[in-house]
Amino acid sequence: MGMNETIFKMLEKHIKLYTNAYAGDNMNGKVETDTKSSRRKPPQETYPISTRVPISMLRAIDSVIESGKYLRISDYLRDLVRKDLEERGIEIK
């Protein structure tokens, strides 16, 4: 499989995960009602951030997502940023 095909397959998987998570489907055909997202605070004003990562890093991130702790890459990245800010003593308001 070529590099472009690999990237396409990974993106396709993430789109499917995001779509199913957004719809409340946990990929097993069951709709979860008591998920982390259902206990979230009201939405805050947000701003999109974009970056590029090496394919090897994307594969490593994929393995974290597949472990089940996070539904999406964005959830994982938000958690990393929050933890880093807390470690630096920066309060998030």
Protein backbone atom coordinates (compact mmCIF):
# COMPACT_ATOMS: atom_id res chain seq x y z
CA MET A 1 0.00 0.00 0.00
CA GLY A 2 1.42 3.41 -0.98
CA MET A 3 1.82 6.39 1.35
CA ASN A 4 -1.24 8.19 -0.06
CA GLU A 5 -3.39 5.09 0.35
CA THR A 6 -2.21 4.68 3.95
CA ILE A 7 -3.02 8.31 4.76
CA PHE A 8 -6.40 8.02 3.04
CA LYS A 9 -7.29 4.87 5.01
CA MET A 10 -6.29 6.52 8.31
CA LEU A 11 -8.35 9.63 7.51
CA GLU A 12 -11.28 7.49 6.44
CA LYS A 13 -11.13 5.63 9.79
CA HIS A 14 -11.05 8.90 11.74
CA ILE A 15 -13.98 10.30 9.80
CA LYS A 16 -15.96 7.14 10.57
CA LEU A 17 -15.01 7.30 14.28
CA TYR A 18 -15.95 10.98 14.45
CA THR A 19 -19.25 10.43 12.66
CA ASN A 20 -20.19 7.51 14.90
CA ALA A 21 -19.12 9.33 18.07
CA TYR A 22 -21.09 12.40 17.03
CA ALA A 23 -24.15 10.23 16.47
CA GLY A 24 -23.65 8.50 19.84
CA ASP A 25 -22.78 5.13 18.31
CA ASN A 26 -19.90 3.37 20.09
CA MET A 27 -18.99 1.31 16.99
CA ASN A 28 -20.65 -1.81 18.43
CA GLY A 29 -24.12 -0.81 17.32
CA LYS A 30 -25.01 0.39 20.82
CA VAL A 31 -25.85 3.96 21.62
CA GLU A 32 -24.22 5.09 24.83
CA THR A 33 -26.14 7.51 27.00
CA ASP A 34 -23.66 7.83 29.84
CA THR A 35 -20.56 8.96 27.98
CA LYS A 36 -17.98 11.53 28.92
CA SER A 37 -19.43 13.86 26.28
CA SER A 38 -22.89 13.72 27.88
CA ARG A 39 -21.36 15.00 31.16
CA ARG A 40 -19.44 17.85 29.60
CA LYS A 41 -19.81 21.46 30.60
CA PRO A 42 -21.80 23.71 28.26
CA PRO A 43 -19.90 24.47 25.05
CA GLN A 44 -17.30 27.20 25.25
CA GLU A 45 -16.24 29.52 22.49
CA THR A 46 -13.66 27.61 20.48
CA TYR A 47 -11.08 28.28 17.79
CA PRO A 48 -9.82 25.65 15.33
CA ILE A 49 -6.11 24.85 15.36
CA SER A 50 -4.44 22.91 12.58
CA THR A 51 -1.03 21.24 12.43
CA ARG A 52 0.90 18.63 10.52
CA VAL A 53 2.47 15.59 12.15
CA PRO A 54 4.71 12.86 10.73
CA ILE A 55 2.89 9.68 9.68
CA SER A 56 4.74 7.76 12.41
CA MET A 57 3.33 10.14 15.03
CA LEU A 58 -0.17 9.82 13.55
CA ARG A 59 0.11 6.03 13.85
CA ALA A 60 1.14 6.38 17.51
CA ILE A 61 -1.80 8.72 18.14
CA ASP A 62 -4.07 6.19 16.44
CA SER A 63 -2.98 3.52 18.90
CA VAL A 64 -3.90 5.83 21.80
CA ILE A 65 -7.33 6.51 20.25
CA GLU A 66 -7.89 2.80 19.60
CA SER A 67 -7.18 2.05 23.27
CA GLY A 68 -10.61 3.54 23.95
CA LYS A 69 -9.74 6.37 26.31
CA TYR A 70 -10.49 9.03 23.69
CA LEU A 71 -13.14 9.09 20.98
CA ARG A 72 -11.33 11.46 18.65
CA ILE A 73 -7.88 12.92 18.05
CA SER A 74 -9.25 16.32 19.08
CA ASP A 75 -10.25 14.92 22.51
CA TYR A 76 -6.73 13.55 22.97
CA LEU A 77 -5.06 16.79 21.92
CA ARG A 78 -7.31 18.93 24.15
CA ASP A 79 -6.44 16.69 27.09
CA LEU A 80 -2.70 16.99 26.36
CA VAL A 81 -2.91 20.78 26.15
CA ARG A 82 -4.98 20.98 29.36
CA LYS A 83 -2.47 18.80 31.25
CA ASP A 84 0.48 20.83 29.95
CA LEU A 85 -1.15 24.12 30.97
CA GLU A 86 -1.92 22.74 34.44
CA GLU A 87 1.71 21.58 34.86
CA ARG A 88 2.88 25.08 33.94
CA GLY A 89 0.50 26.61 36.50
CA ILE A 90 -1.57 28.36 33.83
CA GLU A 91 -5.21 28.58 34.83
CA ILE A 92 -7.84 27.91 32.20
CA LYS A 93 -10.87 30.14 32.68
